[in-house]
Structures are given as C-alpha cells and as structure tokens.
C-alpha cells in the first residue's frame, strides 16, 4: 500500500470513530502528496463538513468536481 493510500485509510478509520479533526489531518497530508485526486478533496470536504466547517467543505467539494466533473462520489 502506498503512502497516500495509508494516509487515506487512517483518515477513514478516524472518521468512522468520530475523530474528524484528526482525520482531516491525514487527508491534508495526502493532498500534499497529490492535489489532483478528486477523492482526496472529497474526503477532506467530508471531514470539514463533519466539523461544521461548511464553507471550507464546499470549497473542497467544488475542487473535487473541477478535477473530475462527473465524480459520482462528490457530496
């Protein structure tokens, strides 16, 4: 498993546990390695939305859709 996949997996586990702030950190680290992955932006958006940071989450969802307009996973 690559570094990005490991970061995302850890972030998703933390999301499942309700640790949204910690999960956000993992998704941000993954984005430092690849800013062109719409799924990474979507994950960050979900974490931000879970923290009540709605404006920032919308920016992430929009970025995800800019990269992949037909991204069926974008919230």
N, C-alpha and C. Protein backbone atom coordinates (compact mmCIF):
# COMPACT_ATOMS: atom_id res chain seq x y z
N UNK A 1 0.85 -1.18 0.00
CA UNK A 1 0.00 0.00 0.00
C UNK A 1 0.89 1.24 0.00
N UNK A 2 0.56 2.19 -0.86
CA UNK A 2 1.34 3.41 -0.96
C UNK A 2 1.08 4.37 0.18
N UNK A 3 1.90 5.41 0.23
CA UNK A 3 1.80 6.38 1.32
C UNK A 3 0.44 7.08 1.34
N UNK A 4 -0.05 7.49 0.16
CA UNK A 4 -1.35 8.17 0.09
C UNK A 4 -2.46 7.24 0.57
N UNK A 5 -2.43 6.00 0.09
CA UNK A 5 -3.47 5.04 0.49
C UNK A 5 -3.45 4.81 1.99
N UNK A 6 -2.27 4.74 2.58
CA UNK A 6 -2.14 4.55 4.03
C UNK A 6 -2.74 5.73 4.78
N UNK A 7 -2.44 6.95 4.32
CA UNK A 7 -2.99 8.15 4.97
C UNK A 7 -4.50 8.18 4.87
N UNK A 8 -5.04 7.85 3.69
CA UNK A 8 -6.49 7.86 3.49
C UNK A 8 -7.15 6.81 4.38
N UNK A 9 -6.56 5.62 4.43
CA UNK A 9 -7.14 4.55 5.26
C UNK A 9 -7.19 4.97 6.73
N UNK A 10 -6.09 5.55 7.23
CA UNK A 10 -6.07 6.02 8.61
C UNK A 10 -7.12 7.11 8.82
N UNK A 11 -7.24 8.02 7.85
CA UNK A 11 -8.23 9.08 7.95
C UNK A 11 -9.65 8.53 7.98
N UNK A 12 -9.91 7.53 7.15
CA UNK A 12 -11.25 6.94 7.11
C UNK A 12 -11.59 6.21 8.41
N UNK A 13 -10.61 5.54 8.98
CA UNK A 13 -10.83 4.87 10.27
C UNK A 13 -11.18 5.91 11.33
N UNK A 14 -10.43 7.01 11.36
CA UNK A 14 -10.70 8.07 12.34
C UNK A 14 -12.08 8.69 12.10
N UNK A 15 -12.47 8.86 10.84
CA UNK A 15 -13.81 9.38 10.54
C UNK A 15 -14.87 8.46 11.13
N UNK A 16 -14.69 7.15 10.93
CA UNK A 16 -15.64 6.17 11.46
C UNK A 16 -15.74 6.24 12.98
N UNK A 17 -14.63 6.64 13.61
CA UNK A 17 -14.60 6.74 15.07
C UNK A 17 -15.05 8.11 15.57
N UNK A 18 -15.41 8.99 14.64
CA UNK A 18 -15.87 10.32 15.02
C UNK A 18 -14.74 11.29 15.34
N UNK A 19 -13.52 10.93 15.00
CA UNK A 19 -12.35 11.79 15.25
C UNK A 19 -12.08 12.63 14.00
N UNK A 20 -12.99 13.56 13.72
CA UNK A 20 -12.97 14.30 12.46
C UNK A 20 -11.75 15.20 12.32
N UNK A 21 -11.33 15.84 13.39
CA UNK A 21 -10.19 16.74 13.32
C UNK A 21 -8.91 15.97 12.98
N UNK A 22 -8.73 14.82 13.64
CA UNK A 22 -7.55 14.00 13.35
C UNK A 22 -7.61 13.44 11.93
N UNK A 23 -8.79 13.03 11.50
CA UNK A 23 -8.97 12.51 10.15
C UNK A 23 -8.60 13.58 9.12
N UNK A 24 -9.03 14.79 9.38
CA UNK A 24 -8.73 15.91 8.48
C UNK A 24 -7.22 16.05 8.27
N UNK A 25 -6.45 15.89 9.32
CA UNK A 25 -5.00 15.98 9.22
C UNK A 25 -4.42 14.95 8.26
N UNK A 26 -4.95 13.73 8.31
CA UNK A 26 -4.47 12.69 7.39
C UNK A 26 -4.84 13.01 5.96
N UNK A 27 -6.06 13.52 5.74
CA UNK A 27 -6.47 13.85 4.37
C UNK A 27 -5.65 15.02 3.83
N UNK A 28 -5.33 15.97 4.70
CA UNK A 28 -4.50 17.09 4.27
C UNK A 28 -3.08 16.63 3.92
N UNK A 29 -2.55 15.68 4.69
CA UNK A 29 -1.23 15.13 4.36
C UNK A 29 -1.25 14.44 3.01
N UNK A 30 -2.32 13.69 2.74
CA UNK A 30 -2.44 13.00 1.45
C UNK A 30 -2.51 14.02 0.31
N UNK A 31 -3.22 15.12 0.53
CA UNK A 31 -3.33 16.15 -0.50
C UNK A 31 -1.99 16.84 -0.77
N UNK A 32 -1.12 16.90 0.21
CA UNK A 32 0.21 17.45 -0.02
C UNK A 32 0.99 16.60 -1.02
N UNK A 33 0.66 15.33 -1.08
CA UNK A 33 1.34 14.40 -1.99
C UNK A 33 0.69 14.36 -3.37
N UNK A 34 -0.61 14.65 -3.43
CA UNK A 34 -1.32 14.62 -4.72
C UNK A 34 -2.54 15.52 -4.65
N UNK A 35 -2.43 16.70 -5.24
CA UNK A 35 -3.55 17.65 -5.22
C UNK A 35 -4.50 17.47 -6.39
N UNK A 36 -4.24 16.48 -7.24
CA UNK A 36 -5.06 16.27 -8.42
C UNK A 36 -6.00 15.08 -8.30
N UNK A 37 -6.19 14.59 -7.09
CA UNK A 37 -7.07 13.44 -6.87
C UNK A 37 -8.41 13.93 -6.31
N UNK A 38 -9.50 13.81 -7.09
CA UNK A 38 -10.78 14.32 -6.61
C UNK A 38 -11.28 13.62 -5.35
N UNK A 39 -10.92 12.35 -5.17
CA UNK A 39 -11.36 11.62 -3.98
C UNK A 39 -10.72 12.18 -2.71
N UNK A 40 -9.48 12.64 -2.82
CA UNK A 40 -8.81 13.23 -1.65
C UNK A 40 -9.51 14.53 -1.25
N UNK A 41 -9.86 15.35 -2.24
CA UNK A 41 -10.59 16.59 -1.95
C UNK A 41 -11.95 16.28 -1.35
N UNK A 42 -12.60 15.24 -1.86
CA UNK A 42 -13.91 14.86 -1.33
C UNK A 42 -13.79 14.40 0.12
N UNK A 43 -12.77 13.59 0.42
CA UNK A 43 -12.56 13.14 1.81
C UNK A 43 -12.34 14.32 2.74
N UNK A 44 -11.52 15.27 2.29
CA UNK A 44 -11.27 16.45 3.12
C UNK A 44 -12.58 17.22 3.32
N UNK A 45 -13.37 17.33 2.28
CA UNK A 45 -14.66 18.02 2.38
C UNK A 45 -15.59 17.36 3.37
N UNK A 46 -15.63 16.05 3.36
CA UNK A 46 -16.49 15.32 4.31
C UNK A 46 -16.03 15.56 5.74
N UNK A 47 -14.72 15.54 5.96
CA UNK A 47 -14.19 15.79 7.31
C UNK A 47 -14.54 17.20 7.76
N UNK A 48 -14.36 18.17 6.88
CA UNK A 48 -14.67 19.56 7.23
C UNK A 48 -16.16 19.73 7.52
N UNK A 49 -17.00 19.11 6.69
CA UNK A 49 -18.45 19.19 6.91
C UNK A 49 -18.80 18.59 8.27
N UNK A 50 -18.15 17.49 8.62
CA UNK A 50 -18.41 16.84 9.91
C UNK A 50 -18.01 17.73 11.08
N UNK A 51 -17.05 18.64 10.85
CA UNK A 51 -16.61 19.58 11.87
C UNK A 51 -17.45 20.86 11.88
N UNK A 52 -18.44 20.94 10.99
CA UNK A 52 -19.29 22.12 10.91
C UNK A 52 -18.64 23.26 10.13
N UNK A 53 -17.57 22.97 9.41
CA UNK A 53 -16.87 23.99 8.63
C UNK A 53 -17.38 23.93 7.19
N UNK A 54 -18.65 24.39 7.03
CA UNK A 54 -19.39 24.16 5.79
C UNK A 54 -18.82 24.90 4.58
N UNK A 55 -18.40 26.14 4.77
CA UNK A 55 -17.88 26.90 3.64
C UNK A 55 -16.61 26.25 3.10
N UNK A 56 -15.72 25.85 4.00
CA UNK A 56 -14.49 25.18 3.59
C UNK A 56 -14.79 23.84 2.93
N UNK A 57 -15.79 23.14 3.45
CA UNK A 57 -16.12 21.83 2.86
C UNK A 57 -16.65 22.01 1.44
N UNK A 58 -17.44 23.05 1.21
CA UNK A 58 -17.96 23.30 -0.14
C UNK A 58 -16.81 23.60 -1.11
N UNK A 59 -15.81 24.32 -0.65
CA UNK A 59 -14.64 24.60 -1.49
C UNK A 59 -13.96 23.30 -1.90
N UNK A 60 -13.87 22.36 -0.98
CA UNK A 60 -13.24 21.06 -1.29
C UNK A 60 -14.10 20.27 -2.27
N UNK A 61 -15.41 20.25 -2.04
CA UNK A 61 -16.29 19.52 -2.96
C UNK A 61 -16.24 20.14 -4.35
N UNK A 62 -16.19 21.46 -4.42
CA UNK A 62 -16.10 22.14 -5.72
C UNK A 62 -14.77 21.81 -6.40
N UNK A 63 -13.69 21.77 -5.63
CA UNK A 63 -12.38 21.43 -6.19
C UNK A 63 -12.42 20.00 -6.75
N UNK A 64 -13.05 19.09 -6.02
CA UNK A 64 -13.19 17.72 -6.48
C UNK A 64 -13.91 17.67 -7.82
N UNK A 65 -14.98 18.44 -7.92
CA UNK A 65 -15.77 18.47 -9.16
C UNK A 65 -15.03 19.17 -10.30
N UNK A 66 -14.18 20.15 -9.97
CA UNK A 66 -13.37 20.80 -11.01
C UNK A 66 -12.42 19.79 -11.64
N UNK A 67 -11.83 18.94 -10.81
CA UNK A 67 -10.87 17.95 -11.29
C UNK A 67 -11.58 16.87 -12.09
N UNK A 68 -12.71 16.41 -11.57
CA UNK A 68 -13.46 15.33 -12.22
C UNK A 68 -14.94 15.69 -12.19
N UNK A 69 -15.42 16.39 -13.24
CA UNK A 69 -16.80 16.88 -13.25
C UNK A 69 -17.86 15.79 -13.06
N UNK A 70 -17.55 14.59 -13.41
CA UNK A 70 -18.53 13.51 -13.29
C UNK A 70 -18.26 12.64 -12.06
N UNK A 71 -17.56 13.18 -11.09
CA UNK A 71 -17.23 12.43 -9.88
C UNK A 71 -18.50 12.07 -9.13
N UNK A 72 -18.91 10.81 -9.25
CA UNK A 72 -20.17 10.38 -8.64
C UNK A 72 -20.10 10.31 -7.13
N UNK A 73 -18.89 10.39 -6.55
CA UNK A 73 -18.75 10.30 -5.10
C UNK A 73 -18.77 11.68 -4.43
N UNK A 74 -18.70 12.75 -5.21
CA UNK A 74 -18.70 14.09 -4.61
C UNK A 74 -20.04 14.34 -3.94
N UNK A 75 -19.98 14.87 -2.75
CA UNK A 75 -21.21 15.07 -1.97
C UNK A 75 -21.92 16.33 -2.42
